[in-house]
């Protein structure tokens, strides 16, 4: 079975869908940070040096194993030359 088929089947379960929806913003943020870092040809180590964040913390964040603080994100924004905006909808 292909992953997309499995995912579609699982998301029919309301409990799975609710959990998936809760995690979507976190993983979208991770994808954006990785994309920006790669577009700037920065390794995790180079980004760590620019931000003063440990490379291991950046790795944990990018793998989804670290829930970042606003301060963490602000340090990343400075290192990437971008701005972080938080919006409640």
N, C-alpha and C. Protein backbone atom coordinates (compact mmCIF):
# COMPACT_ATOMS: atom_id res chain seq x y z
N UNK A 1 0.85 -1.18 0.00
CA UNK A 1 0.00 0.00 0.00
C UNK A 1 0.89 1.24 0.00
N UNK A 2 0.53 2.20 -0.83
CA UNK A 2 1.27 3.45 -0.90
C UNK A 2 0.95 4.31 0.31
N UNK A 3 1.91 5.13 0.70
CA UNK A 3 1.75 5.97 1.87
C UNK A 3 0.53 6.88 1.75
N UNK A 4 0.35 7.51 0.59
CA UNK A 4 -0.77 8.44 0.43
C UNK A 4 -2.11 7.74 0.62
N UNK A 5 -2.21 6.49 0.17
CA UNK A 5 -3.43 5.71 0.36
C UNK A 5 -3.65 5.44 1.84
N UNK A 6 -2.59 5.03 2.51
CA UNK A 6 -2.65 4.76 3.95
C UNK A 6 -3.05 6.03 4.72
N UNK A 7 -2.40 7.14 4.36
CA UNK A 7 -2.68 8.41 5.03
C UNK A 7 -4.15 8.80 4.85
N UNK A 8 -4.64 8.71 3.64
CA UNK A 8 -6.03 9.07 3.35
C UNK A 8 -6.99 8.21 4.18
N UNK A 9 -6.68 6.91 4.29
CA UNK A 9 -7.52 6.00 5.08
C UNK A 9 -7.49 6.38 6.56
N UNK A 10 -6.32 6.65 7.07
CA UNK A 10 -6.17 6.98 8.49
C UNK A 10 -6.86 8.29 8.84
N UNK A 11 -6.81 9.25 7.94
CA UNK A 11 -7.41 10.56 8.22
C UNK A 11 -8.94 10.52 8.22
N UNK A 12 -9.51 9.40 7.85
CA UNK A 12 -10.96 9.25 7.95
C UNK A 12 -11.39 9.03 9.40
N UNK A 13 -10.47 8.61 10.24
CA UNK A 13 -10.73 8.43 11.67
C UNK A 13 -10.70 9.83 12.32
N UNK A 14 -11.78 10.28 12.95
CA UNK A 14 -11.81 11.63 13.52
C UNK A 14 -10.71 11.89 14.54
N UNK A 15 -10.33 10.90 15.33
CA UNK A 15 -9.27 11.10 16.33
C UNK A 15 -7.92 11.31 15.65
N UNK A 16 -7.65 10.53 14.63
CA UNK A 16 -6.39 10.67 13.89
C UNK A 16 -6.37 12.02 13.18
N UNK A 17 -7.47 12.40 12.57
CA UNK A 17 -7.58 13.68 11.85
C UNK A 17 -7.36 14.86 12.81
N UNK A 18 -7.92 14.79 13.99
CA UNK A 18 -7.77 15.86 14.97
C UNK A 18 -6.30 16.02 15.38
N UNK A 19 -5.64 14.91 15.63
CA UNK A 19 -4.22 14.96 16.01
C UNK A 19 -3.36 15.47 14.85
N UNK A 20 -3.67 15.01 13.66
CA UNK A 20 -2.95 15.45 12.46
C UNK A 20 -3.09 16.97 12.29
N UNK A 21 -4.30 17.47 12.46
CA UNK A 21 -4.54 18.90 12.31
C UNK A 21 -3.79 19.71 13.37
N UNK A 22 -3.66 19.17 14.58
CA UNK A 22 -2.91 19.87 15.64
C UNK A 22 -1.42 19.99 15.30
N UNK A 23 -0.88 18.98 14.63
CA UNK A 23 0.55 18.96 14.32
C UNK A 23 0.90 19.68 13.03
N UNK A 24 -0.08 19.96 12.19
CA UNK A 24 0.19 20.57 10.89
C UNK A 24 0.96 21.89 10.98
N UNK A 25 0.59 22.84 11.84
CA UNK A 25 1.36 24.10 11.89
C UNK A 25 2.82 23.89 12.27
N UNK A 26 3.07 22.99 13.21
CA UNK A 26 4.45 22.73 13.63
C UNK A 26 5.29 22.20 12.47
N UNK A 27 4.75 21.22 11.74
CA UNK A 27 5.52 20.64 10.65
C UNK A 27 5.64 21.58 9.45
N UNK A 28 4.67 22.45 9.26
CA UNK A 28 4.78 23.45 8.20
C UNK A 28 5.90 24.43 8.53
N UNK A 29 6.01 24.84 9.78
CA UNK A 29 7.09 25.73 10.21
C UNK A 29 8.44 25.05 10.00
N UNK A 30 8.55 23.80 10.36
CA UNK A 30 9.80 23.05 10.17
C UNK A 30 10.17 23.03 8.69
N UNK A 31 9.20 22.73 7.83
CA UNK A 31 9.47 22.70 6.38
C UNK A 31 9.97 24.06 5.89
N UNK A 32 9.37 25.14 6.39
CA UNK A 32 9.79 26.48 5.96
C UNK A 32 11.22 26.78 6.39
N UNK A 33 11.57 26.44 7.63
CA UNK A 33 12.92 26.71 8.13
C UNK A 33 13.95 25.91 7.34
N UNK A 34 13.67 24.63 7.11
CA UNK A 34 14.61 23.80 6.34
C UNK A 34 14.78 24.36 4.94
N UNK A 35 13.68 24.76 4.31
CA UNK A 35 13.75 25.32 2.95
C UNK A 35 14.59 26.58 2.93
N UNK A 36 14.37 27.49 3.87
CA UNK A 36 15.15 28.73 3.93
C UNK A 36 16.63 28.44 4.15
N UNK A 37 16.91 27.51 5.06
CA UNK A 37 18.31 27.17 5.35
C UNK A 37 18.98 26.61 4.10
N UNK A 38 18.30 25.71 3.40
CA UNK A 38 18.87 25.11 2.21
C UNK A 38 19.01 26.11 1.06
N UNK A 39 18.04 27.01 0.91
CA UNK A 39 18.13 28.04 -0.13
C UNK A 39 19.35 28.94 0.08
N UNK A 40 19.73 29.12 1.34
CA UNK A 40 20.89 29.95 1.67
C UNK A 40 22.18 29.13 1.73
N UNK A 41 22.08 27.86 1.35
CA UNK A 41 23.22 26.94 1.34
C UNK A 41 23.91 26.87 2.69
N UNK A 42 23.09 26.84 3.74
CA UNK A 42 23.60 26.74 5.11
C UNK A 42 23.42 25.32 5.62
N UNK A 43 24.44 24.80 6.24
CA UNK A 43 24.29 23.55 6.97
C UNK A 43 23.70 23.88 8.33
N UNK A 44 23.28 22.86 9.04
CA UNK A 44 22.81 23.09 10.40
C UNK A 44 23.93 23.71 11.23
N UNK A 45 25.14 23.25 11.02
CA UNK A 45 26.28 23.77 11.78
C UNK A 45 26.49 25.26 11.48
N UNK A 46 26.40 25.64 10.21
CA UNK A 46 26.59 27.05 9.85
C UNK A 46 25.48 27.91 10.44
N UNK A 47 24.25 27.41 10.41
CA UNK A 47 23.14 28.16 11.01
C UNK A 47 23.34 28.27 12.51
N UNK A 48 23.84 27.22 13.12
CA UNK A 48 24.11 27.24 14.57
C UNK A 48 25.13 28.33 14.90
N UNK A 49 26.15 28.43 14.08
CA UNK A 49 27.19 29.45 14.32
C UNK A 49 26.63 30.86 14.16
N UNK A 50 25.72 31.04 13.21
CA UNK A 50 25.13 32.38 12.98
C UNK A 50 24.16 32.78 14.08
N UNK A 51 23.52 31.79 14.72
CA UNK A 51 22.46 32.09 15.68
C UNK A 51 22.86 31.90 17.14
N UNK A 52 23.94 31.17 17.36
CA UNK A 52 24.31 30.84 18.74
C UNK A 52 23.49 29.71 19.33
N UNK A 53 22.70 29.07 18.47
CA UNK A 53 21.91 27.89 18.89
C UNK A 53 22.76 26.65 18.63
N UNK A 54 22.74 25.71 19.54
CA UNK A 54 23.50 24.48 19.34
C UNK A 54 23.00 23.74 18.10
N UNK A 55 23.92 23.18 17.33
CA UNK A 55 23.55 22.43 16.14
C UNK A 55 22.61 21.28 16.49
N UNK A 56 22.82 20.68 17.65
CA UNK A 56 21.96 19.57 18.06
C UNK A 56 20.51 20.04 18.29
N UNK A 57 20.35 21.28 18.78
CA UNK A 57 19.00 21.83 18.98
C UNK A 57 18.32 22.09 17.64
N UNK A 58 19.09 22.58 16.67
CA UNK A 58 18.53 22.79 15.33
C UNK A 58 18.14 21.45 14.72
N UNK A 59 18.96 20.45 14.90
CA UNK A 59 18.66 19.11 14.40
C UNK A 59 17.39 18.55 15.03
N UNK A 60 17.26 18.69 16.35
CA UNK A 60 16.06 18.21 17.04
C UNK A 60 14.82 18.94 16.53
N UNK A 61 14.93 20.25 16.34
CA UNK A 61 13.81 21.02 15.81
C UNK A 61 13.43 20.54 14.42
N UNK A 62 14.41 20.40 13.54
CA UNK A 62 14.13 20.01 12.17
C UNK A 62 13.57 18.59 12.06
N UNK A 63 13.88 17.75 13.03
CA UNK A 63 13.35 16.38 13.00
C UNK A 63 12.00 16.27 13.69
N UNK A 64 11.52 17.38 14.25
CA UNK A 64 10.23 17.37 14.92
C UNK A 64 10.28 16.91 16.36
N UNK A 65 11.49 16.82 16.92
CA UNK A 65 11.66 16.34 18.28
C UNK A 65 11.89 17.45 19.30
N UNK A 66 11.60 18.67 18.90
CA UNK A 66 11.79 19.82 19.80
C UNK A 66 10.70 20.83 19.50
N UNK A 67 9.99 21.23 20.50
CA UNK A 67 8.95 22.24 20.35
C UNK A 67 9.60 23.59 20.66
N UNK A 68 9.80 24.44 19.65
CA UNK A 68 10.59 25.65 19.86
C UNK A 68 9.86 26.73 20.63
N UNK A 69 10.64 27.50 21.35
CA UNK A 69 10.11 28.69 22.02
C UNK A 69 10.11 29.84 21.01
N UNK A 70 9.43 30.90 21.34
CA UNK A 70 9.44 32.08 20.49
C UNK A 70 10.86 32.64 20.40
N UNK A 71 11.59 32.60 21.50
CA UNK A 71 12.99 33.07 21.49
C UNK A 71 13.83 32.26 20.51
N UNK A 72 13.65 30.94 20.48
CA UNK A 72 14.37 30.07 19.56
C UNK A 72 14.08 30.50 18.12
N UNK A 73 12.80 30.74 17.81
CA UNK A 73 12.40 31.14 16.46
C UNK A 73 12.95 32.52 16.10
N UNK A 74 12.99 33.41 17.08
CA UNK A 74 13.53 34.75 16.82
C UNK A 74 15.03 34.68 16.52
N UNK A 75 15.74 33.80 17.17
CA UNK A 75 17.17 33.63 16.89
C UNK A 75 17.37 33.04 15.50
N UNK A 76 16.48 32.09 15.12
CA UNK A 76 16.56 31.53 13.77
C UNK A 76 16.28 32.61 12.72
N UNK A 77 15.28 33.46 12.98
CA UNK A 77 14.92 34.50 12.02
C UNK A 77 16.10 35.43 11.77
N UNK A 78 16.81 35.78 12.81
CA UNK A 78 17.97 36.64 12.65
C UNK A 78 19.05 35.97 11.81
N UNK A 79 19.28 34.69 12.09
CA UNK A 79 20.29 33.94 11.35
C UNK A 79 19.93 33.73 9.89
N UNK A 80 18.64 33.69 9.59
CA UNK A 80 18.18 33.47 8.22
C UNK A 80 17.82 34.78 7.51
N UNK A 81 17.89 35.90 8.25
CA UNK A 81 17.55 37.18 7.65
C UNK A 81 16.07 37.31 7.33
N UNK A 82 15.24 36.69 8.13
CA UNK A 82 13.79 36.71 7.91
C UNK A 82 13.10 37.21 9.16
N UNK A 83 11.78 37.34 9.08
CA UNK A 83 10.97 37.76 10.23
C UNK A 83 9.95 36.68 10.55
N UNK A 84 9.73 36.48 11.83
CA UNK A 84 8.72 35.53 12.28
C UNK A 84 7.46 36.32 12.63
N UNK A 85 6.34 35.85 12.14
CA UNK A 85 5.04 36.44 12.49
C UNK A 85 4.18 35.35 13.07
N UNK A 86 3.56 35.62 14.20
CA UNK A 86 2.66 34.69 14.84
C UNK A 86 1.26 35.23 14.67
N UNK A 87 0.35 34.37 14.23
CA UNK A 87 -1.00 34.82 13.95
C UNK A 87 -1.98 33.79 14.51
N UNK A 88 -2.96 34.27 15.22
CA UNK A 88 -4.03 33.41 15.70
C UNK A 88 -5.22 33.61 14.78
N UNK A 89 -5.82 32.52 14.37
CA UNK A 89 -6.97 32.61 13.47
C UNK A 89 -8.18 32.00 14.12
